[in-house]
N, C-alpha and C. Protein backbone atom coordinates (compact mmCIF):
# COMPACT_ATOMS: atom_id res chain seq x y z
N UNK A 1 48.12 80.31 67.78
CA UNK A 1 47.90 79.91 66.39
C UNK A 1 48.96 80.54 65.50
N UNK A 2 49.30 79.87 64.41
CA UNK A 2 50.45 80.31 63.63
C UNK A 2 50.10 81.27 62.51
N UNK A 3 48.84 81.29 62.01
CA UNK A 3 48.50 82.09 60.83
C UNK A 3 47.17 82.80 61.02
N UNK A 4 46.98 83.85 60.22
CA UNK A 4 45.65 84.40 60.11
C UNK A 4 44.85 83.53 59.14
N UNK A 5 43.54 83.73 59.13
CA UNK A 5 42.71 82.94 58.23
C UNK A 5 43.07 83.21 56.78
N UNK A 6 43.36 84.49 56.48
CA UNK A 6 43.71 84.85 55.10
C UNK A 6 44.99 84.16 54.67
N UNK A 7 45.97 84.13 55.55
CA UNK A 7 47.24 83.52 55.19
C UNK A 7 47.11 82.01 55.03
N UNK A 8 46.21 81.42 55.82
CA UNK A 8 46.04 79.97 55.77
C UNK A 8 45.51 79.52 54.41
N UNK A 9 44.77 80.40 53.70
CA UNK A 9 44.20 80.04 52.40
C UNK A 9 45.11 80.44 51.25
N UNK A 10 46.23 81.06 51.55
CA UNK A 10 47.16 81.52 50.52
C UNK A 10 48.52 80.85 50.74
N UNK A 11 48.79 79.74 50.03
CA UNK A 11 50.04 79.02 50.24
C UNK A 11 51.28 79.80 49.85
N UNK A 12 51.11 80.91 49.10
CA UNK A 12 52.28 81.70 48.71
C UNK A 12 52.81 82.55 49.85
N UNK A 13 51.98 82.76 50.88
CA UNK A 13 52.41 83.57 52.02
C UNK A 13 53.22 82.72 53.00
N UNK A 14 54.26 83.29 53.59
CA UNK A 14 55.03 82.53 54.57
C UNK A 14 54.21 82.28 55.84
N UNK A 15 54.48 81.16 56.48
CA UNK A 15 53.85 80.87 57.76
C UNK A 15 54.68 81.56 58.84
N UNK A 16 54.13 82.62 59.41
CA UNK A 16 54.89 83.43 60.35
C UNK A 16 54.46 83.15 61.78
N UNK A 17 55.42 83.16 62.66
CA UNK A 17 55.16 83.05 64.08
C UNK A 17 55.50 84.35 64.78
N UNK A 18 55.20 84.40 66.05
CA UNK A 18 55.49 85.58 66.87
C UNK A 18 56.98 85.94 66.80
N UNK A 19 57.82 84.92 66.81
CA UNK A 19 59.26 85.17 66.81
C UNK A 19 59.73 85.84 65.52
N UNK A 20 59.09 85.53 64.40
CA UNK A 20 59.47 86.16 63.12
C UNK A 20 59.27 87.67 63.19
N UNK A 21 58.18 88.10 63.80
CA UNK A 21 57.92 89.54 63.93
C UNK A 21 58.96 90.19 64.85
N UNK A 22 59.30 89.51 65.93
CA UNK A 22 60.31 90.06 66.85
C UNK A 22 61.66 90.16 66.15
N UNK A 23 62.04 89.12 65.41
CA UNK A 23 63.32 89.14 64.69
C UNK A 23 63.35 90.29 63.68
N UNK A 24 62.25 90.48 62.95
CA UNK A 24 62.18 91.56 61.96
C UNK A 24 62.29 92.91 62.65
N UNK A 25 61.66 93.06 63.79
CA UNK A 25 61.73 94.32 64.54
C UNK A 25 63.16 94.61 64.99
N UNK A 26 63.85 93.58 65.42
CA UNK A 26 65.24 93.77 65.87
C UNK A 26 66.15 94.14 64.70
N UNK A 27 65.88 93.58 63.54
CA UNK A 27 66.69 93.90 62.36
C UNK A 27 66.54 95.36 61.95
N UNK A 28 65.37 95.91 62.20
CA UNK A 28 65.12 97.33 61.89
C UNK A 28 65.63 98.22 63.02
N UNK A 29 65.43 97.78 64.25
CA UNK A 29 65.80 98.59 65.42
C UNK A 29 67.28 98.94 65.44
N UNK A 30 68.14 97.96 65.23
CA UNK A 30 69.58 98.19 65.40
C UNK A 30 70.13 99.29 64.49
N UNK A 31 69.84 99.25 63.19
CA UNK A 31 70.41 100.30 62.33
C UNK A 31 69.61 101.59 62.26
N UNK A 32 68.28 101.54 62.53
CA UNK A 32 67.44 102.70 62.25
C UNK A 32 66.75 103.31 63.46
N UNK A 33 66.74 102.60 64.58
CA UNK A 33 66.15 103.17 65.78
C UNK A 33 64.70 102.75 65.98
N UNK A 34 64.18 103.06 67.16
CA UNK A 34 62.88 102.58 67.57
C UNK A 34 61.75 103.16 66.73
N UNK A 35 61.90 104.37 66.19
CA UNK A 35 60.83 104.97 65.39
C UNK A 35 60.59 104.20 64.10
N UNK A 36 61.59 103.43 63.65
CA UNK A 36 61.44 102.65 62.42
C UNK A 36 60.68 101.35 62.66
N UNK A 37 60.50 100.99 63.92
CA UNK A 37 59.78 99.74 64.24
C UNK A 37 58.28 100.03 64.18
N UNK A 38 57.73 99.94 62.99
CA UNK A 38 56.32 100.22 62.73
C UNK A 38 55.66 98.99 62.14
N UNK A 39 54.40 98.77 62.47
CA UNK A 39 53.71 97.56 62.06
C UNK A 39 53.67 97.41 60.54
N UNK A 40 53.28 98.48 59.85
CA UNK A 40 53.19 98.40 58.39
C UNK A 40 54.54 98.12 57.77
N UNK A 41 55.57 98.77 58.29
CA UNK A 41 56.93 98.55 57.78
C UNK A 41 57.34 97.09 57.96
N UNK A 42 57.07 96.52 59.11
CA UNK A 42 57.45 95.14 59.38
C UNK A 42 56.64 94.16 58.53
N UNK A 43 55.35 94.46 58.36
CA UNK A 43 54.51 93.61 57.52
C UNK A 43 55.05 93.57 56.09
N UNK A 44 55.43 94.74 55.56
CA UNK A 44 55.99 94.80 54.21
C UNK A 44 57.32 94.02 54.14
N UNK A 45 58.12 94.15 55.16
CA UNK A 45 59.42 93.46 55.21
C UNK A 45 59.23 91.94 55.20
N UNK A 46 58.20 91.48 55.89
CA UNK A 46 57.95 90.04 56.02
C UNK A 46 57.04 89.49 54.91
N UNK A 47 56.47 90.38 54.10
CA UNK A 47 55.54 89.94 53.08
C UNK A 47 54.25 89.42 53.70
N UNK A 48 53.84 90.07 54.79
CA UNK A 48 52.66 89.62 55.54
C UNK A 48 51.64 90.75 55.63
N UNK A 49 50.55 90.49 56.30
CA UNK A 49 49.50 91.48 56.48
C UNK A 49 49.54 92.05 57.89
N UNK A 50 48.94 93.21 58.06
CA UNK A 50 48.81 93.75 59.41
C UNK A 50 47.96 92.82 60.28
N UNK A 51 47.03 92.10 59.63
CA UNK A 51 46.22 91.15 60.37
C UNK A 51 47.06 90.06 61.01
N UNK A 52 48.12 89.65 60.30
CA UNK A 52 49.02 88.64 60.87
C UNK A 52 49.68 89.17 62.14
N UNK A 53 50.07 90.45 62.10
CA UNK A 53 50.67 91.05 63.30
C UNK A 53 49.71 90.97 64.48
N UNK A 54 48.48 91.38 64.26
CA UNK A 54 47.51 91.42 65.36
C UNK A 54 47.05 90.02 65.77
N UNK A 55 47.36 89.03 64.96
CA UNK A 55 47.11 87.66 65.37
C UNK A 55 48.07 87.26 66.50
N UNK A 56 49.27 87.86 66.48
CA UNK A 56 50.32 87.48 67.44
C UNK A 56 50.51 88.49 68.57
N UNK A 57 50.15 89.75 68.32
CA UNK A 57 50.41 90.80 69.30
C UNK A 57 49.16 91.64 69.52
N UNK A 58 49.01 92.11 70.74
CA UNK A 58 47.88 92.97 71.07
C UNK A 58 48.00 94.30 70.34
N UNK A 59 49.21 94.87 70.35
CA UNK A 59 49.46 96.16 69.71
C UNK A 59 50.97 96.35 69.61
N UNK A 60 51.39 97.52 69.13
CA UNK A 60 52.82 97.80 68.98
C UNK A 60 53.54 97.76 70.32
N UNK A 61 52.90 98.24 71.37
CA UNK A 61 53.53 98.21 72.69
C UNK A 61 53.82 96.78 73.14
N UNK A 62 52.97 95.86 72.76
CA UNK A 62 53.20 94.45 73.07
C UNK A 62 54.49 93.97 72.39
N UNK A 63 54.66 94.35 71.13
CA UNK A 63 55.89 94.00 70.40
C UNK A 63 57.11 94.63 71.06
N UNK A 64 57.00 95.91 71.44
CA UNK A 64 58.14 96.59 72.07
C UNK A 64 58.52 95.92 73.38
N UNK A 65 57.53 95.45 74.13
CA UNK A 65 57.82 94.72 75.37
C UNK A 65 58.59 93.44 75.07
N UNK A 66 58.27 92.80 73.95
CA UNK A 66 58.98 91.58 73.56
C UNK A 66 60.42 91.89 73.16
N UNK A 67 60.66 93.05 72.56
CA UNK A 67 62.02 93.45 72.21
C UNK A 67 62.85 93.62 73.49
N UNK A 68 62.27 94.29 74.47
CA UNK A 68 62.97 94.47 75.75
C UNK A 68 63.25 93.10 76.38
N UNK A 69 62.27 92.20 76.33
CA UNK A 69 62.47 90.87 76.90
C UNK A 69 63.59 90.13 76.20
N UNK A 70 63.68 90.28 74.87
CA UNK A 70 64.76 89.63 74.11
C UNK A 70 66.11 90.20 74.54
N UNK A 71 66.18 91.52 74.69
CA UNK A 71 67.43 92.17 75.13
C UNK A 71 67.83 91.66 76.51
N UNK A 72 66.88 91.58 77.41
CA UNK A 72 67.18 91.12 78.76
C UNK A 72 67.66 89.67 78.74
N UNK A 73 67.04 88.84 77.90
CA UNK A 73 67.44 87.44 77.82
C UNK A 73 68.82 87.28 77.20
N UNK A 74 69.11 88.13 76.21
CA UNK A 74 70.38 88.00 75.48
C UNK A 74 71.56 88.61 76.22
N UNK A 75 71.36 89.79 76.81
CA UNK A 75 72.49 90.55 77.35
C UNK A 75 72.50 90.69 78.86
N UNK A 76 71.35 90.65 79.48
CA UNK A 76 71.30 90.86 80.93
C UNK A 76 71.65 89.56 81.65
N UNK A 77 72.46 89.68 82.65
CA UNK A 77 72.82 88.52 83.45
C UNK A 77 74.05 87.80 82.97
N UNK A 78 74.42 87.97 81.69
CA UNK A 78 75.56 87.23 81.16
C UNK A 78 76.87 87.67 81.82
N UNK A 79 76.98 88.95 82.16
CA UNK A 79 78.19 89.44 82.82
C UNK A 79 78.35 88.79 84.19
N UNK A 80 77.29 88.80 84.98
CA UNK A 80 77.34 88.19 86.30
C UNK A 80 77.63 86.70 86.21
N UNK A 81 77.03 86.02 85.24
CA UNK A 81 77.25 84.58 85.09
C UNK A 81 78.72 84.27 84.78
N UNK A 82 79.31 85.04 83.87
CA UNK A 82 80.71 84.83 83.52
C UNK A 82 81.62 85.05 84.73
N UNK A 83 81.38 86.12 85.44
CA UNK A 83 82.25 86.43 86.58
C UNK A 83 82.07 85.44 87.72
N UNK A 84 80.86 84.95 87.91
CA UNK A 84 80.63 83.94 88.94
C UNK A 84 81.41 82.67 88.63
N UNK A 85 81.57 82.37 87.34
CA UNK A 85 82.25 81.13 86.93
C UNK A 85 83.77 81.28 86.91
N UNK A 86 84.27 82.51 86.97
CA UNK A 86 85.72 82.75 86.87
C UNK A 86 86.43 82.31 88.14
N UNK A 87 87.54 81.60 87.97
CA UNK A 87 88.27 81.11 89.12
C UNK A 87 89.36 82.04 89.62
N UNK A 88 89.63 83.11 88.89
CA UNK A 88 90.68 84.05 89.28
C UNK A 88 90.36 85.43 88.74
N UNK A 89 91.07 86.42 89.25
CA UNK A 89 90.89 87.79 88.75
C UNK A 89 91.20 87.85 87.27
N UNK A 90 92.30 87.25 86.86
CA UNK A 90 92.70 87.30 85.45
C UNK A 90 91.65 86.62 84.57
N UNK A 91 91.17 85.47 84.98
CA UNK A 91 90.17 84.76 84.19
C UNK A 91 88.90 85.60 84.04
N UNK A 92 88.49 86.27 85.11
CA UNK A 92 87.28 87.09 85.04
C UNK A 92 87.43 88.27 84.11
N UNK A 93 88.53 88.99 84.23
CA UNK A 93 88.74 90.17 83.39
C UNK A 93 88.88 89.77 81.93
N UNK A 94 89.61 88.70 81.65
CA UNK A 94 89.75 88.24 80.26
C UNK A 94 88.42 87.73 79.72
N UNK A 95 87.59 87.16 80.59
CA UNK A 95 86.25 86.72 80.15
C UNK A 95 85.41 87.92 79.71
N UNK A 96 85.54 89.03 80.42
CA UNK A 96 84.83 90.25 80.02
C UNK A 96 85.36 90.76 78.68
N UNK A 97 86.70 90.77 78.52
CA UNK A 97 87.28 91.20 77.25
C UNK A 97 86.70 90.36 76.11
N UNK A 98 86.65 89.06 76.33
CA UNK A 98 86.16 88.14 75.29
C UNK A 98 84.67 88.38 75.02
N UNK A 99 83.91 88.55 76.07
CA UNK A 99 82.47 88.75 75.93
C UNK A 99 82.14 89.92 75.03
N UNK A 100 82.84 91.02 75.22
CA UNK A 100 82.48 92.25 74.54
C UNK A 100 82.90 92.30 73.08
N UNK A 101 83.66 91.34 72.63
CA UNK A 101 83.99 91.29 71.20
C UNK A 101 83.40 90.05 70.54
N UNK A 102 82.61 89.28 71.30
CA UNK A 102 82.01 88.06 70.78
C UNK A 102 80.50 88.24 70.73
N UNK A 103 79.98 88.54 69.55
CA UNK A 103 78.55 88.83 69.43
C UNK A 103 77.66 87.61 69.59
N UNK A 104 78.26 86.42 69.68
CA UNK A 104 77.45 85.24 69.94
C UNK A 104 76.97 85.22 71.38
N UNK A 105 77.73 85.83 72.27
CA UNK A 105 77.37 85.86 73.68
C UNK A 105 76.69 87.17 74.09
N UNK A 106 77.07 88.23 73.44
CA UNK A 106 76.61 89.56 73.86
C UNK A 106 76.43 90.41 72.61
N UNK A 107 75.20 90.86 72.37
CA UNK A 107 74.92 91.65 71.17
C UNK A 107 75.15 93.13 71.44
N UNK A 108 76.29 93.63 71.01
CA UNK A 108 76.61 95.04 71.24
C UNK A 108 75.68 95.95 70.45
N UNK A 109 75.28 95.52 69.25
CA UNK A 109 74.37 96.34 68.43
C UNK A 109 73.02 96.48 69.10
N UNK A 110 72.52 95.38 69.65
CA UNK A 110 71.24 95.44 70.35
C UNK A 110 71.36 96.30 71.60
N UNK A 111 72.46 96.16 72.32
CA UNK A 111 72.66 96.96 73.52
C UNK A 111 72.64 98.45 73.20
N UNK A 112 73.34 98.84 72.14
CA UNK A 112 73.40 100.24 71.78
C UNK A 112 72.06 100.74 71.27
N UNK A 113 71.33 99.90 70.54
CA UNK A 113 70.01 100.29 70.03
C UNK A 113 69.04 100.53 71.19
N UNK A 114 69.08 99.67 72.19
CA UNK A 114 68.21 99.85 73.36
C UNK A 114 68.61 101.12 74.11
N UNK A 115 69.90 101.37 74.20
CA UNK A 115 70.37 102.57 74.90
C UNK A 115 69.94 103.84 74.15
N UNK A 116 69.99 103.80 72.82
CA UNK A 116 69.53 104.95 72.04
C UNK A 116 68.03 105.17 72.23
N UNK A 117 67.28 104.10 72.24
CA UNK A 117 65.84 104.16 72.47
C UNK A 117 65.56 104.78 73.84
N UNK A 118 66.34 104.41 74.83
CA UNK A 118 66.13 104.88 76.20
C UNK A 118 66.27 106.39 76.34
N UNK A 119 67.01 107.01 75.43
CA UNK A 119 67.19 108.47 75.50
C UNK A 119 65.88 109.21 75.23
N UNK A 120 64.94 108.54 74.58
CA UNK A 120 63.70 109.20 74.19
C UNK A 120 62.46 108.60 74.85
N UNK A 121 62.68 107.68 75.77
CA UNK A 121 61.55 107.02 76.43
C UNK A 121 61.89 106.82 77.89
N UNK A 122 61.15 107.47 78.77
CA UNK A 122 61.47 107.45 80.20
C UNK A 122 61.39 106.05 80.80
N UNK A 123 60.40 105.28 80.39
CA UNK A 123 60.24 103.93 80.95
C UNK A 123 61.41 103.04 80.56
N UNK A 124 61.76 103.08 79.28
CA UNK A 124 62.91 102.29 78.81
C UNK A 124 64.20 102.82 79.44
N UNK A 125 64.28 104.14 79.59
CA UNK A 125 65.47 104.74 80.20
C UNK A 125 65.67 104.25 81.62
N UNK A 126 64.59 104.19 82.39
CA UNK A 126 64.71 103.71 83.78
C UNK A 126 65.14 102.25 83.81
N UNK A 127 64.63 101.46 82.86
CA UNK A 127 64.99 100.05 82.80
C UNK A 127 66.47 99.87 82.45
N UNK A 128 66.94 100.68 81.50
CA UNK A 128 68.34 100.60 81.10
C UNK A 128 69.25 101.04 82.25
N UNK A 129 68.88 102.07 82.97
CA UNK A 129 69.69 102.52 84.11
C UNK A 129 69.79 101.44 85.18
N UNK A 130 68.69 100.74 85.42
CA UNK A 130 68.72 99.65 86.38
C UNK A 130 69.67 98.55 85.91
N UNK A 131 69.60 98.26 84.61
CA UNK A 131 70.48 97.21 84.07
C UNK A 131 71.94 97.63 84.13
N UNK A 132 72.23 98.89 83.81
CA UNK A 132 73.62 99.37 83.90
C UNK A 132 74.12 99.24 85.34
N UNK A 133 73.28 99.60 86.29
CA UNK A 133 73.67 99.49 87.71
C UNK A 133 73.94 98.04 88.09
N UNK A 134 73.13 97.12 87.59
CA UNK A 134 73.32 95.71 87.90
C UNK A 134 74.64 95.20 87.33
N UNK A 135 74.97 95.64 86.12
CA UNK A 135 76.22 95.19 85.50
C UNK A 135 77.43 95.71 86.26
N UNK A 136 77.40 96.99 86.61
CA UNK A 136 78.51 97.55 87.39
C UNK A 136 78.61 96.85 88.73
N UNK A 137 77.47 96.59 89.36
CA UNK A 137 77.47 95.92 90.66
C UNK A 137 78.06 94.52 90.56
N UNK A 138 77.79 93.82 89.47
CA UNK A 138 78.33 92.47 89.29
C UNK A 138 79.85 92.51 89.17
N UNK A 139 80.36 93.50 88.43
CA UNK A 139 81.82 93.62 88.29
C UNK A 139 82.44 94.03 89.61
N UNK A 140 81.80 94.95 90.33
CA UNK A 140 82.32 95.40 91.62
C UNK A 140 82.36 94.24 92.62
N UNK A 141 81.30 93.42 92.63
CA UNK A 141 81.27 92.28 93.54
C UNK A 141 82.39 91.30 93.21
N UNK A 142 82.65 91.11 91.94
CA UNK A 142 83.76 90.24 91.52
C UNK A 142 85.09 90.78 92.01
N UNK A 143 85.30 92.10 91.86
CA UNK A 143 86.55 92.70 92.31
C UNK A 143 86.71 92.61 93.83
N UNK A 144 85.64 92.83 94.54
CA UNK A 144 85.70 92.71 96.01
C UNK A 144 86.08 91.29 96.41
N UNK A 145 85.58 90.33 95.68
CA UNK A 145 85.90 88.93 95.94
C UNK A 145 87.40 88.67 95.79
N UNK A 146 88.05 89.49 94.98
CA UNK A 146 89.47 89.31 94.73
C UNK A 146 90.33 90.38 95.43
N UNK A 147 89.79 90.89 96.54
CA UNK A 147 90.62 91.66 97.45
C UNK A 147 90.55 93.16 97.39
N UNK A 148 89.70 93.73 96.55
CA UNK A 148 89.60 95.19 96.46
C UNK A 148 88.61 95.71 97.51
N UNK A 149 88.95 96.87 98.07
CA UNK A 149 88.05 97.52 99.02
C UNK A 149 86.78 97.96 98.30
N UNK A 150 85.71 98.16 99.05
CA UNK A 150 84.39 98.43 98.47
C UNK A 150 84.40 99.61 97.50
N UNK A 151 84.91 100.77 97.93
CA UNK A 151 84.88 101.96 97.07
C UNK A 151 85.77 101.78 95.85
N UNK A 152 86.94 101.19 96.05
CA UNK A 152 87.84 100.98 94.91
C UNK A 152 87.23 100.01 93.91
N UNK A 153 86.60 98.96 94.41
CA UNK A 153 85.96 97.99 93.52
C UNK A 153 84.86 98.65 92.69
N UNK A 154 84.08 99.52 93.31
CA UNK A 154 83.00 100.21 92.60
C UNK A 154 83.54 101.12 91.51
N UNK A 155 84.57 101.90 91.83
CA UNK A 155 85.12 102.82 90.84
C UNK A 155 85.78 102.05 89.70
N UNK A 156 86.55 101.02 90.03
CA UNK A 156 87.19 100.23 88.98
C UNK A 156 86.13 99.55 88.11
N UNK A 157 85.05 99.08 88.72
CA UNK A 157 83.97 98.45 87.94
C UNK A 157 83.37 99.45 86.96
N UNK A 158 83.17 100.67 87.41
CA UNK A 158 82.65 101.70 86.51
C UNK A 158 83.62 101.97 85.36
N UNK A 159 84.89 102.07 85.67
CA UNK A 159 85.89 102.32 84.63
C UNK A 159 85.89 101.19 83.60
N UNK A 160 85.86 99.96 84.08
CA UNK A 160 85.85 98.80 83.18
C UNK A 160 84.61 98.83 82.29
N UNK A 161 83.45 98.99 82.91
CA UNK A 161 82.20 98.90 82.16
C UNK A 161 82.00 100.09 81.23
N UNK A 162 82.22 101.29 81.73
CA UNK A 162 81.95 102.47 80.90
C UNK A 162 82.99 102.65 79.79
N UNK A 163 84.17 102.08 79.96
CA UNK A 163 85.12 102.06 78.85
C UNK A 163 84.53 101.30 77.67
N UNK A 164 83.93 100.15 77.95
CA UNK A 164 83.36 99.36 76.88
C UNK A 164 82.13 100.04 76.27
N UNK A 165 81.30 100.64 77.11
CA UNK A 165 80.16 101.39 76.59
C UNK A 165 80.63 102.49 75.65
N UNK A 166 81.74 103.13 76.01
CA UNK A 166 82.31 104.16 75.15
C UNK A 166 82.74 103.63 73.80
N UNK A 167 83.29 102.42 73.77
CA UNK A 167 83.65 101.81 72.49
C UNK A 167 82.42 101.70 71.59
N UNK A 168 81.31 101.25 72.17
CA UNK A 168 80.09 101.10 71.38
C UNK A 168 79.54 102.46 70.95
N UNK A 169 79.44 103.38 71.90
CA UNK A 169 78.80 104.67 71.63
C UNK A 169 79.57 105.48 70.59
N UNK A 170 80.90 105.42 70.66
CA UNK A 170 81.73 106.20 69.75
C UNK A 170 82.05 105.46 68.46
N UNK A 171 81.63 104.19 68.39
CA UNK A 171 81.87 103.38 67.20
C UNK A 171 83.35 103.43 66.81
N UNK A 172 84.20 103.14 67.77
CA UNK A 172 85.65 103.22 67.56
C UNK A 172 86.10 102.19 66.53
N UNK A 173 86.83 102.65 65.54
CA UNK A 173 87.36 101.78 64.50
C UNK A 173 88.73 101.27 64.95
N UNK A 174 88.80 99.98 65.21
CA UNK A 174 90.03 99.39 65.71
C UNK A 174 90.04 97.91 65.34
N UNK A 175 91.13 97.47 64.75
CA UNK A 175 91.22 96.06 64.38
C UNK A 175 91.38 95.20 65.63
N UNK A 176 91.07 93.91 65.47
CA UNK A 176 91.23 92.99 66.59
C UNK A 176 92.68 92.94 67.04
N UNK A 177 93.62 92.97 66.09
CA UNK A 177 95.04 92.94 66.44
C UNK A 177 95.43 94.16 67.26
N UNK A 178 94.95 95.33 66.84
CA UNK A 178 95.25 96.56 67.58
C UNK A 178 94.70 96.49 69.00
N UNK A 179 93.50 95.97 69.14
CA UNK A 179 92.90 95.91 70.47
C UNK A 179 93.60 94.88 71.36
N UNK A 180 93.92 93.74 70.78
CA UNK A 180 94.60 92.70 71.56
C UNK A 180 95.99 93.13 71.99
N UNK A 181 96.63 93.97 71.19
CA UNK A 181 97.96 94.48 71.56
C UNK A 181 97.90 95.31 72.84
N UNK A 182 96.71 95.76 73.22
CA UNK A 182 96.55 96.58 74.42
C UNK A 182 96.05 95.76 75.63
N UNK A 183 96.09 94.44 75.51
CA UNK A 183 95.60 93.59 76.59
C UNK A 183 96.29 93.90 77.91
N UNK A 184 97.61 93.94 77.91
CA UNK A 184 98.35 94.17 79.16
C UNK A 184 98.08 95.56 79.75
N UNK A 185 98.19 96.65 78.96
CA UNK A 185 97.90 97.96 79.56
C UNK A 185 96.46 98.13 80.02
N UNK A 186 95.51 97.54 79.28
CA UNK A 186 94.12 97.61 79.75
C UNK A 186 93.97 96.87 81.08
N UNK A 187 94.54 95.69 81.16
CA UNK A 187 94.44 94.91 82.39
C UNK A 187 95.07 95.68 83.55
N UNK A 188 96.22 96.27 83.32
CA UNK A 188 96.92 97.04 84.36
C UNK A 188 96.08 98.24 84.79
N UNK A 189 95.49 98.94 83.83
CA UNK A 189 94.68 100.12 84.14
C UNK A 189 93.42 99.74 84.91
N UNK A 190 92.78 98.66 84.49
CA UNK A 190 91.52 98.26 85.12
C UNK A 190 91.71 97.67 86.51
N UNK A 191 92.83 96.98 86.74
CA UNK A 191 93.00 96.24 87.99
C UNK A 191 94.10 96.78 88.90
N UNK A 192 95.05 97.55 88.33
CA UNK A 192 96.20 97.99 89.12
C UNK A 192 97.20 96.87 89.33
N UNK A 193 97.05 95.78 88.59
CA UNK A 193 97.94 94.62 88.72
C UNK A 193 98.46 94.22 87.35
N UNK A 194 99.50 93.40 87.36
CA UNK A 194 100.08 92.93 86.10
C UNK A 194 99.47 91.57 85.75
N UNK A 195 99.23 91.37 84.47
CA UNK A 195 98.74 90.09 84.02
C UNK A 195 99.92 89.18 83.72
N UNK A 196 99.75 87.89 83.98
CA UNK A 196 100.78 86.92 83.65
C UNK A 196 100.99 86.92 82.13
N UNK A 197 102.24 87.00 81.70
CA UNK A 197 102.55 87.12 80.27
C UNK A 197 102.03 85.93 79.47
N UNK A 198 102.14 84.73 80.06
CA UNK A 198 101.69 83.54 79.34
C UNK A 198 100.17 83.56 79.17
N UNK A 199 99.44 84.02 80.18
CA UNK A 199 97.98 84.09 80.09
C UNK A 199 97.55 85.13 79.04
N UNK A 200 98.25 86.23 79.00
CA UNK A 200 97.95 87.26 77.99
C UNK A 200 98.20 86.72 76.59
N UNK A 201 99.31 86.01 76.43
CA UNK A 201 99.63 85.44 75.12
C UNK A 201 98.60 84.41 74.70
N UNK A 202 98.22 83.53 75.63
CA UNK A 202 97.22 82.50 75.31
C UNK A 202 95.89 83.14 74.94
N UNK A 203 95.52 84.22 75.63
CA UNK A 203 94.27 84.90 75.34
C UNK A 203 94.29 85.50 73.94
N UNK A 204 95.39 86.15 73.58
CA UNK A 204 95.49 86.73 72.24
C UNK A 204 95.40 85.66 71.17
N UNK A 205 96.08 84.55 71.39
CA UNK A 205 96.08 83.47 70.40
C UNK A 205 94.67 82.88 70.25
N UNK A 206 93.97 82.74 71.37
CA UNK A 206 92.61 82.19 71.31
C UNK A 206 91.68 83.14 70.57
N UNK A 207 91.79 84.43 70.84
CA UNK A 207 90.93 85.40 70.17
C UNK A 207 91.21 85.44 68.67
N UNK A 208 92.47 85.39 68.30
CA UNK A 208 92.82 85.41 66.87
C UNK A 208 92.34 84.14 66.19
N UNK A 209 92.43 82.99 66.88
CA UNK A 209 91.97 81.74 66.30
C UNK A 209 90.47 81.77 66.06
N UNK A 210 89.73 82.38 66.96
CA UNK A 210 88.28 82.49 66.78
C UNK A 210 87.92 83.35 65.59
N UNK A 211 88.76 84.32 65.27
CA UNK A 211 88.49 85.22 64.14
C UNK A 211 89.00 84.68 62.82
N UNK A 212 89.79 83.61 62.87
CA UNK A 212 90.37 83.07 61.64
C UNK A 212 89.25 82.46 60.78
N UNK A 213 89.36 82.60 59.45
CA UNK A 213 88.32 82.04 58.55
C UNK A 213 88.32 80.52 58.58
C-alpha cells in the first residue's frame, strides 16, 4: 500500500512509497554517516509521519537492509560485468578507469559511505570485506585471462583496486585533465605494459567530451 490512513485523508501530504524512504536515507548517509539515518529525521525531511515509515518498513534495521541491497545492486557486480565484456587488456583497464569517474555507473559516494559504516558494524564490515574480495578477484581473473601468472595477477589486481579506494578515502583533489594526463603511467604501473598511444588519446578525448557542458 502506498499511504497511511492519515496521509490518505490529507491531500497536502506527499504520496510516499518505500523507495522514497530509501532515497532519503541514502541522501543522509553519504554526507553524514549511518548514525544520521534515523526515522524521525527522515520523516521530517520527507514531510511525512513516523506512521508512514512503519507502513513500509518493519523497523530501522529493515531500512538499513534495503540500503545495503541498493549498494549491492548499484556497485556490486559492475566491475566483473565490465571486465567480462572487454575484448582486450587495454579495453578492460580503460573501462575500469572510466567506471571509477562516472557516477552514473558506480556511486563512489555510496561506496565510501558503506565502507565508513562498516568500520563500526561487524555485520556490515564482513559484507564489505566479502565484496572487496570479489572485486579484486574479478580483476585478477581478468588479468590471468590476459596472460599474467596467478600470484602476479592477484597482486596487480590489489594495486589497481586499492589505488582507487585510496582516491575515495583520501578525497584527493585532482582535475579530470590532471588525472587523464596520467593515463599512460597508470596503465604502465598497473599492467607492466605500454598502452597504445592512439587508444590513450581516444580515451582522453572521450572522457573530456563526457564532461563537456
